[in-house]
Amino acid sequence: MRMSTPAQPTSERQIDDAVCLACGCMCDDISVTVVDNRVTCVKNACPIGEAWFRQAEDDTRPICRVDGREASLEEGIA
């Protein structure tokens, strides 16, 4: 008999009055929904702003660099 693993809890948050920096108009009435650190919904943004908020992050980048080399977060804070 195979046991199923419980689903990971999801973290969802709503960010109202977010400022968009995509084009320089500095729109500040944007509403963004974030689930598990990913933007899932953008309201009140133009197509340029929506693309800016939804752009994918590169998960392969090091979390921190010190003197040009990869470093831990603790080392970077220090």
PDB file of N, CA and C in Angstrom:
ATOM      1  N   MET A   1       0.835  -1.173   0.000  1.00  0.00           N
ATOM      2  CA  MET A   1       0.000   0.000   0.000  1.00  0.00           C
ATOM      3  C   MET A   1       0.889   1.248   0.000  1.00  0.00           C
ATOM      4  N   ARG A   2       0.621   2.151  -0.910  1.00  0.00           N
ATOM      5  CA  ARG A   2       1.427   3.351  -1.032  1.00  0.00           C
ATOM      6  C   ARG A   2       0.792   4.498  -0.259  1.00  0.00           C
ATOM      7  N   MET A   3       1.608   5.155   0.554  1.00  0.00           N
ATOM      8  CA  MET A   3       1.118   6.286   1.333  1.00  0.00           C
ATOM      9  C   MET A   3       1.351   7.559   0.536  1.00  0.00           C
ATOM     10  N   SER A   4       0.369   8.433   0.529  1.00  0.00           N
ATOM     11  CA  SER A   4       0.563   9.705  -0.155  1.00  0.00           C
ATOM     12  C   SER A   4       1.159  10.708   0.824  1.00  0.00           C
ATOM     13  N   THR A   5       1.998  11.565   0.279  1.00  0.00           N
ATOM     14  CA  THR A   5       2.597  12.587   1.127  1.00  0.00           C
ATOM     15  C   THR A   5       1.676  13.798   1.139  1.00  0.00           C
ATOM     16  N   PRO A   6       1.571  14.447   2.275  1.00  0.00           N
ATOM     17  CA  PRO A   6       0.698  15.620   2.330  1.00  0.00           C
ATOM     18  C   PRO A   6       1.245  16.744   1.460  1.00  0.00           C
ATOM     19  N   ALA A   7       0.330  17.509   0.908  1.00  0.00           N
ATOM     20  CA  ALA A   7       0.732  18.634   0.066  1.00  0.00           C
ATOM     21  C   ALA A   7       1.451  19.687   0.900  1.00  0.00           C
ATOM     22  N   GLN A   8       2.429  20.326   0.273  1.00  0.00           N
ATOM     23  CA  GLN A   8       3.142  21.393   0.947  1.00  0.00           C
ATOM     24  C   GLN A   8       2.187  22.572   1.138  1.00  0.00           C
ATOM     25  N   PRO A   9       2.240  23.212   2.285  1.00  0.00           N
ATOM     26  CA  PRO A   9       1.378  24.374   2.476  1.00  0.00           C
ATOM     27  C   PRO A   9       1.803  25.499   1.535  1.00  0.00           C
ATOM     28  N   THR A  10       0.818  26.223   1.035  1.00  0.00           N
ATOM     29  CA  THR A  10       1.136  27.329   0.150  1.00  0.00           C
ATOM     30  C   THR A  10       1.083  28.640   0.918  1.00  0.00           C
ATOM     31  N   SER A  11       1.946  29.517   0.533  1.00  0.00           N
ATOM     32  CA  SER A  11       2.015  30.839   1.142  1.00  0.00           C
ATOM     33  C   SER A  11       1.483  31.833   0.124  1.00  0.00           C
ATOM     34  N   GLU A  12       0.378  32.494   0.434  1.00  0.00           N
ATOM     35  CA  GLU A  12      -0.203  33.469  -0.479  1.00  0.00           C
ATOM     36  C   GLU A  12      -0.283  34.823   0.210  1.00  0.00           C
ATOM     37  N   ARG A  13       0.079  35.861  -0.518  1.00  0.00           N
ATOM     38  CA  ARG A  13      -0.049  37.201   0.033  1.00  0.00           C
ATOM     39  C   ARG A  13      -0.482  38.165  -1.065  1.00  0.00           C
ATOM     40  N   GLN A  14      -1.180  39.188  -0.647  1.00  0.00           N
ATOM     41  CA  GLN A  14      -1.674  40.228  -1.537  1.00  0.00           C
ATOM     42  C   GLN A  14      -0.897  41.505  -1.265  1.00  0.00           C
ATOM     43  N   ILE A  15      -0.343  42.097  -2.303  1.00  0.00           N
ATOM     44  CA  ILE A  15       0.391  43.352  -2.166  1.00  0.00           C
ATOM     45  C   ILE A  15      -0.398  44.416  -2.918  1.00  0.00           C
ATOM     46  N   ASP A  16      -0.959  45.366  -2.180  1.00  0.00           N
ATOM     47  CA  ASP A  16      -1.709  46.449  -2.789  1.00  0.00           C
ATOM     48  C   ASP A  16      -0.832  47.693  -2.874  1.00  0.00           C
ATOM     49  N   ASP A  17      -1.127  48.530  -3.824  1.00  0.00           N
ATOM     50  CA  ASP A  17      -0.371  49.771  -4.029  1.00  0.00           C
ATOM     51  C   ASP A  17       1.107  49.521  -4.304  1.00  0.00           C
ATOM     52  N   ALA A  18       1.390  48.458  -5.061  1.00  0.00           N
ATOM     53  CA  ALA A  18       2.765  48.190  -5.466  1.00  0.00           C
ATOM     54  C   ALA A  18       3.172  49.206  -6.526  1.00  0.00           C
ATOM     55  N   VAL A  19       4.433  49.564  -6.548  1.00  0.00           N
ATOM     56  CA  VAL A  19       4.951  50.522  -7.521  1.00  0.00           C
ATOM     57  C   VAL A  19       5.633  49.763  -8.655  1.00  0.00           C
ATOM     58  N   CYS A  20       5.279  50.109  -9.869  1.00  0.00           N
ATOM     59  CA  CYS A  20       5.883  49.487 -11.051  1.00  0.00           C
ATOM     60  C   CYS A  20       7.019  50.372 -11.550  1.00  0.00           C
ATOM     61  N   LEU A  21       8.155  49.787 -11.809  1.00  0.00           N
ATOM     62  CA  LEU A  21       9.329  50.519 -12.294  1.00  0.00           C
ATOM     63  C   LEU A  21       9.671  50.174 -13.739  1.00  0.00           C
ATOM     64  N   ALA A  22       8.726  49.567 -14.457  1.00  0.00           N
ATOM     65  CA  ALA A  22       9.034  49.053 -15.789  1.00  0.00           C
ATOM     66  C   ALA A  22       9.341  50.135 -16.810  1.00  0.00           C
ATOM     67  N   CYS A  23       8.612  51.253 -16.803  1.00  0.00           N
ATOM     68  CA  CYS A  23       8.794  52.215 -17.892  1.00  0.00           C
ATOM     69  C   CYS A  23       9.107  53.634 -17.436  1.00  0.00           C
ATOM     70  N   GLY A  24       9.001  53.927 -16.196  1.00  0.00           N
ATOM     71  CA  GLY A  24       9.286  55.276 -15.731  1.00  0.00           C
ATOM     72  C   GLY A  24       8.052  56.070 -15.363  1.00  0.00           C
ATOM     73  N   CYS A  25       6.862  55.575 -15.652  1.00  0.00           N
ATOM     74  CA  CYS A  25       5.638  56.280 -15.255  1.00  0.00           C
ATOM     75  C   CYS A  25       5.403  56.170 -13.749  1.00  0.00           C
ATOM     76  N   MET A  26       6.037  55.196 -13.124  1.00  0.00           N
ATOM     77  CA  MET A  26       5.953  54.989 -11.668  1.00  0.00           C
ATOM     78  C   MET A  26       4.514  54.774 -11.185  1.00  0.00           C
ATOM     79  N   CYS A  27       3.751  53.979 -11.907  1.00  0.00           N
ATOM     80  CA  CYS A  27       2.380  53.664 -11.483  1.00  0.00           C
ATOM     81  C   CYS A  27       2.434  53.053 -10.094  1.00  0.00           C
ATOM     82  N   ASP A  28       1.554  53.516  -9.207  1.00  0.00           N
ATOM     83  CA  ASP A  28       1.619  53.053  -7.821  1.00  0.00           C
ATOM     84  C   ASP A  28       0.289  52.501  -7.317  1.00  0.00           C
ATOM     85  N   ASP A  29      -0.555  52.094  -8.235  1.00  0.00           N
ATOM     86  CA  ASP A  29      -1.848  51.531  -7.841  1.00  0.00           C
ATOM     87  C   ASP A  29      -1.992  50.073  -8.294  1.00  0.00           C
ATOM     88  N   ILE A  30      -0.878  49.387  -8.391  1.00  0.00           N
ATOM     89  CA  ILE A  30      -0.852  48.014  -8.878  1.00  0.00           C
ATOM     90  C   ILE A  30      -1.129  47.059  -7.714  1.00  0.00           C
ATOM     91  N   SER A  31      -1.918  46.029  -7.987  1.00  0.00           N
ATOM     92  CA  SER A  31      -2.198  44.992  -7.001  1.00  0.00           C
ATOM     93  C   SER A  31      -1.556  43.690  -7.493  1.00  0.00           C
ATOM     94  N   VAL A  32      -0.763  43.067  -6.638  1.00  0.00           N
ATOM     95  CA  VAL A  32      -0.022  41.864  -7.018  1.00  0.00           C
ATOM     96  C   VAL A  32      -0.333  40.749  -6.027  1.00  0.00           C
ATOM     97  N   THR A  33      -0.650  39.574  -6.538  1.00  0.00           N
ATOM     98  CA  THR A  33      -0.836  38.391  -5.706  1.00  0.00           C
ATOM     99  C   THR A  33       0.378  37.495  -5.881  1.00  0.00           C
ATOM    100  N   VAL A  34       0.952  37.065  -4.760  1.00  0.00           N
ATOM    101  CA  VAL A  34       2.148  36.229  -4.768  1.00  0.00           C
ATOM    102  C   VAL A  34       1.821  34.923  -4.053  1.00  0.00           C
ATOM    103  N   VAL A  35       2.077  33.800  -4.701  1.00  0.00           N
ATOM    104  CA  VAL A  35       1.887  32.479  -4.111  1.00  0.00           C
ATOM    105  C   VAL A  35       3.213  31.751  -4.174  1.00  0.00           C
ATOM    106  N   ASP A  36       3.694  31.318  -3.019  1.00  0.00           N
ATOM    107  CA  ASP A  36       4.971  30.605  -2.939  1.00  0.00           C
ATOM    108  C   ASP A  36       6.083  31.367  -3.657  1.00  0.00           C
ATOM    109  N   ASN A  37       6.160  32.667  -3.395  1.00  0.00           N
ATOM    110  CA  ASN A  37       7.186  33.551  -3.954  1.00  0.00           C
ATOM    111  C   ASN A  37       7.148  33.681  -5.473  1.00  0.00           C
ATOM    112  N   ARG A  38       6.001  33.421  -6.083  1.00  0.00           N
ATOM    113  CA  ARG A  38       5.809  33.598  -7.526  1.00  0.00           C
ATOM    114  C   ARG A  38       4.602  34.502  -7.743  1.00  0.00           C
ATOM    115  N   VAL A  39       4.729  35.473  -8.614  1.00  0.00           N
ATOM    116  CA  VAL A  39       3.616  36.347  -8.943  1.00  0.00           C
ATOM    117  C   VAL A  39       2.593  35.546  -9.733  1.00  0.00           C
ATOM    118  N   THR A  40       1.350  35.516  -9.236  1.00  0.00           N
ATOM    119  CA  THR A  40       0.295  34.754  -9.904  1.00  0.00           C
ATOM    120  C   THR A  40      -0.783  35.646 -10.494  1.00  0.00           C
ATOM    121  N   CYS A  41      -0.898  36.894 -10.024  1.00  0.00           N
ATOM    122  CA  CYS A  41      -1.928  37.796 -10.530  1.00  0.00           C
ATOM    123  C   CYS A  41      -1.440  39.232 -10.408  1.00  0.00           C
ATOM    124  N   VAL A  42      -1.647  40.007 -11.484  1.00  0.00           N
ATOM    125  CA  VAL A  42      -1.289  41.423 -11.490  1.00  0.00           C
ATOM    126  C   VAL A  42      -2.516  42.196 -11.978  1.00  0.00           C
ATOM    127  N   LYS A  43      -2.956  43.178 -11.193  1.00  0.00           N
ATOM    128  CA  LYS A  43      -4.119  43.989 -11.568  1.00  0.00           C
ATOM    129  C   LYS A  43      -3.710  45.455 -11.677  1.00  0.00           C
ATOM    130  N   ASN A  44      -4.342  46.163 -12.580  1.00  0.00           N
ATOM    131  CA  ASN A  44      -4.152  47.598 -12.815  1.00  0.00           C
ATOM    132  C   ASN A  44      -2.817  47.936 -13.463  1.00  0.00           C
ATOM    133  N   ALA A  45      -2.150  46.983 -14.058  1.00  0.00           N
ATOM    134  CA  ALA A  45      -0.876  47.258 -14.727  1.00  0.00           C
ATOM    135  C   ALA A  45      -1.086  47.210 -16.242  1.00  0.00           C
ATOM    136  N   CYS A  46      -0.321  48.019 -16.957  1.00  0.00           N
ATOM    137  CA  CYS A  46      -0.336  47.952 -18.419  1.00  0.00           C
ATOM    138  C   CYS A  46       0.406  46.672 -18.829  1.00  0.00           C
ATOM    139  N   PRO A  47       0.374  46.303 -20.106  1.00  0.00           N
ATOM    140  CA  PRO A  47       1.086  45.093 -20.543  1.00  0.00           C
ATOM    141  C   PRO A  47       2.583  45.111 -20.218  1.00  0.00           C
ATOM    142  N   ILE A  48       3.209  46.287 -20.301  1.00  0.00           N
ATOM    143  CA  ILE A  48       4.636  46.370 -19.979  1.00  0.00           C
ATOM    144  C   ILE A  48       4.846  46.095 -18.489  1.00  0.00           C
ATOM    145  N   GLY A  49       4.012  46.703 -17.650  1.00  0.00           N
ATOM    146  CA  GLY A  49       4.116  46.505 -16.206  1.00  0.00           C
ATOM    147  C   GLY A  49       3.821  45.081 -15.790  1.00  0.00           C
ATOM    148  N   GLU A  50       2.803  44.490 -16.399  1.00  0.00           N
ATOM    149  CA  GLU A  50       2.480  43.107 -16.052  1.00  0.00           C
ATOM    150  C   GLU A  50       3.641  42.178 -16.393  1.00  0.00           C
ATOM    151  N   ALA A  51       4.245  42.368 -17.553  1.00  0.00           N
ATOM    152  CA  ALA A  51       5.407  41.545 -17.929  1.00  0.00           C
ATOM    153  C   ALA A  51       6.557  41.766 -16.952  1.00  0.00           C
ATOM    154  N   TRP A  52       6.740  43.011 -16.498  1.00  0.00           N
ATOM    155  CA  TRP A  52       7.818  43.318 -15.558  1.00  0.00           C
ATOM    156  C   TRP A  52       7.612  42.592 -14.240  1.00  0.00           C
ATOM    157  N   PHE A  53       6.368  42.618 -13.725  1.00  0.00           N
ATOM    158  CA  PHE A  53       6.094  41.930 -12.462  1.00  0.00           C
ATOM    159  C   PHE A  53       6.196  40.420 -12.602  1.00  0.00           C
ATOM    160  N   ARG A  54       5.852  39.892 -13.766  1.00  0.00           N
ATOM    161  CA  ARG A  54       5.823  38.440 -13.951  1.00  0.00           C
ATOM    162  C   ARG A  54       7.134  37.848 -14.455  1.00  0.00           C
ATOM    163  N   GLN A  55       8.141  38.662 -14.689  1.00  0.00           N
ATOM    164  CA  GLN A  55       9.386  38.131 -15.235  1.00  0.00           C
ATOM    165  C   GLN A  55       9.957  37.065 -14.306  1.00  0.00           C
ATOM    166  N   ALA A  56      10.445  36.017 -14.913  1.00  0.00           N
ATOM    167  CA  ALA A  56      10.968  34.893 -14.132  1.00  0.00           C
ATOM    168  C   ALA A  56      12.317  35.244 -13.538  1.00  0.00           C
ATOM    169  N   GLU A  57      12.534  34.790 -12.335  1.00  0.00           N
ATOM    170  CA  GLU A  57      13.834  34.958 -11.702  1.00  0.00           C
ATOM    171  C   GLU A  57      14.714  33.771 -12.056  1.00  0.00           C
ATOM    172  N   ASP A  58      15.962  34.012 -12.156  1.00  0.00           N
ATOM    173  CA  ASP A  58      16.930  32.964 -12.441  1.00  0.00           C
ATOM    174  C   ASP A  58      17.297  32.282 -11.133  1.00  0.00           C
ATOM    175  N   ASP A  59      16.762  31.075 -10.910  1.00  0.00           N
ATOM    176  CA  ASP A  59      17.016  30.349  -9.664  1.00  0.00           C
ATOM    177  C   ASP A  59      18.423  29.769  -9.597  1.00  0.00           C
ATOM    178  N   THR A  60      19.201  29.889 -10.676  1.00  0.00           N
ATOM    179  CA  THR A  60      20.542  29.317 -10.666  1.00  0.00           C
ATOM    180  C   THR A  60      21.585  30.318 -10.180  1.00  0.00           C
ATOM    181  N   ARG A  61      21.190  31.580  -9.990  1.00  0.00           N
ATOM    182  CA  ARG A  61      22.138  32.581  -9.514  1.00  0.00           C
ATOM    183  C   ARG A  61      22.516  32.285  -8.068  1.00  0.00           C
ATOM    184  N   PRO A  62      23.739  32.594  -7.692  1.00  0.00           N
ATOM    185  CA  PRO A  62      24.101  32.438  -6.281  1.00  0.00           C
ATOM    186  C   PRO A  62      23.314  33.432  -5.444  1.00  0.00           C
ATOM    187  N   ILE A  63      23.045  33.080  -4.206  1.00  0.00           N
ATOM    188  CA  ILE A  63      22.268  33.945  -3.338  1.00  0.00           C
ATOM    189  C   ILE A  63      23.034  35.225  -3.018  1.00  0.00           C
ATOM    190  N   CYS A  64      24.362  35.171  -3.091  1.00  0.00           N
ATOM    191  CA  CYS A  64      25.179  36.319  -2.702  1.00  0.00           C
ATOM    192  C   CYS A  64      26.559  36.179  -3.336  1.00  0.00           C
ATOM    193  N   ARG A  65      27.193  37.330  -3.550  1.00  0.00           N
ATOM    194  CA  ARG A  65      28.580  37.352  -4.012  1.00  0.00           C
ATOM    195  C   ARG A  65      29.374  38.296  -3.127  1.00  0.00           C
ATOM    196  N   VAL A  66      30.602  37.915  -2.821  1.00  0.00           N
ATOM    197  CA  VAL A  66      31.531  38.758  -2.070  1.00  0.00           C
ATOM    198  C   VAL A  66      32.827  38.783  -2.858  1.00  0.00           C
ATOM    199  N   ASP A  67      33.287  39.966  -3.214  1.00  0.00           N
ATOM    200  CA  ASP A  67      34.500  40.127  -4.022  1.00  0.00           C
ATOM    201  C   ASP A  67      34.453  39.296  -5.302  1.00  0.00           C
ATOM    202  N   GLY A  68      33.269  39.199  -5.901  1.00  0.00           N
ATOM    203  CA  GLY A  68      33.112  38.501  -7.165  1.00  0.00           C
ATOM    204  C   GLY A  68      32.964  36.999  -7.074  1.00  0.00           C
ATOM    205  N   ARG A  69      33.053  36.443  -5.874  1.00  0.00           N
ATOM    206  CA  ARG A  69      32.908  34.977  -5.755  1.00  0.00           C
ATOM    207  C   ARG A  69      31.592  34.652  -5.024  1.00  0.00           C
ATOM    208  N   GLU A  70      31.080  33.465  -5.304  1.00  0.00           N
ATOM    209  CA  GLU A  70      29.849  33.014  -4.650  1.00  0.00           C
ATOM    210  C   GLU A  70      30.081  32.897  -3.150  1.00  0.00           C
ATOM    211  N   ALA A  71      29.089  33.330  -2.355  1.00  0.00           N
ATOM    212  CA  ALA A  71      29.211  33.300  -0.899  1.00  0.00           C
ATOM    213  C   ALA A  71      27.873  32.954  -0.264  1.00  0.00           C
ATOM    214  N   SER A  72      27.921  32.560   0.972  1.00  0.00           N
ATOM    215  CA  SER A  72      26.693  32.277   1.710  1.00  0.00           C
ATOM    216  C   SER A  72      26.015  33.589   2.093  1.00  0.00           C
ATOM    217  N   LEU A  73      24.754  33.512   2.428  1.00  0.00           N
ATOM    218  CA  LEU A  73      24.022  34.702   2.867  1.00  0.00           C
ATOM    219  C   LEU A  73      24.641  35.282   4.123  1.00  0.00           C
ATOM    220  N   GLU A  74      25.025  34.440   5.044  1.00  0.00           N
ATOM    221  CA  GLU A  74      25.638  34.900   6.306  1.00  0.00           C
ATOM    222  C   GLU A  74      26.924  35.666   6.030  1.00  0.00           C
ATOM    223  N   GLU A  75      27.742  35.144   5.100  1.00  0.00           N
ATOM    224  CA  GLU A  75      28.989  35.816   4.762  1.00  0.00           C
ATOM    225  C   GLU A  75      28.711  37.163   4.090  1.00  0.00           C
ATOM    226  N   GLY A  76      27.692  37.214   3.261  1.00  0.00           N
ATOM    227  CA  GLY A  76      27.345  38.456   2.603  1.00  0.00           C
ATOM    228  C   GLY A  76      26.851  39.511   3.576  1.00  0.00           C
ATOM    229  N   ILE A  77      26.086  39.110   4.570  1.00  0.00           N
ATOM    230  CA  ILE A  77      25.604  40.053   5.591  1.00  0.00           C
ATOM    231  C   ILE A  77      26.754  40.570   6.418  1.00  0.00           C
ATOM    232  N   ALA A  78      27.691  39.673   6.759  1.00  0.00           N
ATOM    233  CA  ALA A  78      28.836  40.081   7.568  1.00  0.00           C
ATOM    234  C   ALA A  78      29.694  41.048   6.797  1.00  0.00           C
TER     235      ALA A  78
END
